[in-house]
Amino acid sequence: MVKTKLGVSVGLLAAAAYFVGLIAMTPLFLVAGYIIIMEEDMWLRKAAVRAVIIVVAFAVLSTFLGLLDNSTSLINLITQLFRQTANIRDVDRVIQILQTILTICERMILLIMGFAALRQRKVNLAPVDNLMNHHM
């Protein structure tokens, strides 16, 4: 079993990166930064970068949905300004459902990848792997 400089297995540290990604982005960046700077194992480094890419990609998608939600609020405000009515509630509900689905997908992917990392296995995600291979 390959150990890191911290004394824990490579798989455990990679899993920790994925599981920390479930909690918040800042601790994930700290863990991934440590891995990239201090650790030499290439599989571990790629796992850390993969975790960051997944979390950032879902954050970007969530931001786009948030912008869409804000634009519907603006439309509703403008229609009220001109004393017209617009039924934006259905659009808001769809956006909330999409955000919930996005959150569930992100958490499921991070959980699956984290448990696979404990066994030092890689789960293939083509868009993430292509992006990572292109820039790493």
Protein backbone atom coordinates (compact mmCIF):
# COMPACT_ATOMS: atom_id res chain seq x y z
CA MET A 1 0.00 0.00 0.00
CA VAL A 2 1.41 3.33 -1.07
CA LYS A 3 1.55 5.93 1.70
CA THR A 4 1.50 9.70 1.48
CA LYS A 5 3.81 12.07 3.33
CA LEU A 6 1.09 12.35 5.96
CA GLY A 7 1.38 8.62 6.63
CA VAL A 8 -2.07 7.64 5.34
CA SER A 9 -2.77 5.64 2.21
CA VAL A 10 -3.05 7.35 -1.15
CA GLY A 11 -6.61 6.07 -1.54
CA LEU A 12 -7.69 7.49 1.80
CA LEU A 13 -6.34 10.95 0.99
CA ALA A 14 -8.00 10.90 -2.45
CA ALA A 15 -11.28 9.84 -0.86
CA ALA A 16 -10.89 12.63 1.68
CA ALA A 17 -10.58 15.13 -1.17
CA TYR A 18 -13.84 13.91 -2.71
CA PHE A 19 -15.65 13.81 0.63
CA VAL A 20 -14.41 17.27 1.61
CA GLY A 21 -15.83 18.46 -1.73
CA LEU A 22 -19.23 17.48 -0.39
CA ILE A 23 -18.86 19.92 2.49
CA ALA A 24 -17.44 23.10 0.96
CA MET A 25 -15.25 24.41 -1.80
CA THR A 26 -12.59 26.15 0.32
CA PRO A 27 -11.49 23.07 2.29
CA LEU A 28 -11.42 21.13 -0.98
CA PHE A 29 -9.07 23.72 -2.49
CA LEU A 30 -6.84 23.48 0.58
CA VAL A 31 -6.70 19.67 0.44
CA ALA A 32 -6.19 19.64 -3.33
CA GLY A 33 -3.53 22.34 -3.07
CA TYR A 34 -1.66 20.31 -0.49
CA ILE A 35 -1.87 17.20 -2.66
CA ILE A 36 -0.68 18.98 -5.79
CA ILE A 37 2.20 20.76 -4.05
CA MET A 38 3.42 18.14 -1.58
CA GLU A 39 2.52 14.70 -2.88
CA GLU A 40 4.33 12.94 -5.70
CA ASP A 41 1.86 10.18 -6.60
CA MET A 42 0.35 11.05 -10.00
CA TRP A 43 -2.86 9.07 -9.41
CA LEU A 44 -3.45 11.05 -6.22
CA ARG A 45 -2.79 14.35 -7.96
CA LYS A 46 -5.21 13.50 -10.74
CA ALA A 47 -7.85 12.49 -8.19
CA ALA A 48 -7.48 15.86 -6.44
CA VAL A 49 -7.78 17.76 -9.71
CA ARG A 50 -10.75 15.62 -10.72
CA ALA A 51 -12.51 16.47 -7.44
CA VAL A 52 -11.90 20.20 -7.97
CA ILE A 53 -13.14 20.06 -11.57
CA ILE A 54 -16.35 18.29 -10.52
CA VAL A 55 -17.12 20.75 -7.74
CA VAL A 56 -16.32 23.82 -9.85
CA ALA A 57 -18.34 22.52 -12.82
CA PHE A 58 -21.40 21.98 -10.67
CA ALA A 59 -20.91 25.42 -9.07
CA VAL A 60 -20.86 27.00 -12.54
CA LEU A 61 -24.02 25.13 -13.57
CA SER A 62 -25.72 26.16 -10.33
CA THR A 63 -24.71 29.77 -10.95
CA PHE A 64 -26.28 29.70 -14.41
CA LEU A 65 -29.51 28.38 -12.93
CA GLY A 66 -29.33 31.13 -10.31
CA LEU A 67 -28.95 33.74 -13.05
CA LEU A 68 -31.96 32.29 -14.80
CA ASP A 69 -33.91 32.50 -11.55
CA ASN A 70 -32.86 36.14 -11.10
CA SER A 71 -33.90 37.00 -14.66
CA THR A 72 -37.38 35.58 -14.05
CA SER A 73 -37.63 37.73 -10.93
CA LEU A 74 -36.66 40.76 -13.02
CA ILE A 75 -39.32 39.92 -15.59
CA ASN A 76 -41.90 39.58 -12.84
CA LEU A 77 -40.85 42.94 -11.37
CA ILE A 78 -41.11 44.69 -14.76
CA THR A 79 -44.56 43.24 -15.43
CA GLN A 80 -45.75 44.42 -12.01
CA LEU A 81 -44.33 47.85 -12.75
CA PHE A 82 -46.62 48.14 -15.77
CA ARG A 83 -49.54 46.67 -13.84
CA GLN A 84 -49.56 43.50 -15.86
CA THR A 85 -49.53 39.97 -14.52
CA ALA A 86 -47.18 37.20 -15.44
CA ASN A 87 -47.19 33.71 -14.01
CA ILE A 88 -43.51 33.14 -13.31
CA ARG A 89 -44.12 30.75 -10.41
CA ASP A 90 -44.05 27.68 -12.65
CA VAL A 91 -40.70 28.73 -14.10
CA ASP A 92 -39.36 29.31 -10.59
CA ARG A 93 -40.50 25.83 -9.54
CA VAL A 94 -38.79 24.24 -12.54
CA ILE A 95 -35.58 26.11 -11.74
CA GLN A 96 -35.74 24.97 -8.10
CA ILE A 97 -36.30 21.37 -9.22
CA LEU A 98 -33.32 21.61 -11.58
CA GLN A 99 -31.12 23.02 -8.82
CA THR A 100 -32.17 20.19 -6.51
CA ILE A 101 -31.42 17.59 -9.19
CA LEU A 102 -28.05 19.23 -9.82
CA THR A 103 -27.17 19.11 -6.12
CA ILE A 104 -28.19 15.45 -5.86
CA CYS A 105 -26.13 14.55 -8.94
CA GLU A 106 -23.06 16.35 -7.61
CA ARG A 107 -23.28 14.61 -4.24
CA MET A 108 -23.85 11.19 -5.79
CA ILE A 109 -20.88 11.61 -8.13
CA LEU A 110 -18.60 12.76 -5.30
CA LEU A 111 -19.75 9.89 -3.07
CA ILE A 112 -19.21 7.29 -5.79
CA MET A 113 -15.82 8.72 -6.69
CA GLY A 114 -14.84 8.90 -3.00
CA PHE A 115 -15.70 5.28 -2.30
CA ALA A 116 -13.94 4.19 -5.50
CA ALA A 117 -10.87 6.18 -4.42
CA LEU A 118 -10.75 4.23 -1.15
CA ARG A 119 -9.99 1.16 -3.29
CA GLN A 120 -7.71 3.27 -5.51
CA ARG A 121 -9.98 2.87 -8.49
CA LYS A 122 -10.94 5.50 -11.00
CA VAL A 123 -14.49 6.16 -12.16
CA ASN A 124 -14.44 7.45 -15.71
CA LEU A 125 -16.26 10.70 -16.37
CA ALA A 126 -15.47 11.55 -19.99
CA PRO A 127 -15.94 15.36 -19.86
CA VAL A 128 -13.90 15.66 -16.65
CA ASP A 129 -11.18 13.30 -17.85
CA ASN A 130 -10.91 15.06 -21.21
CA LEU A 131 -10.59 18.45 -19.54
CA MET A 132 -8.04 17.15 -17.07
CA ASN A 133 -5.94 15.38 -19.70
CA HIS A 134 -5.97 18.46 -21.89
CA HIS A 135 -4.67 20.76 -19.16
CA MET A 136 -2.54 18.47 -17.03
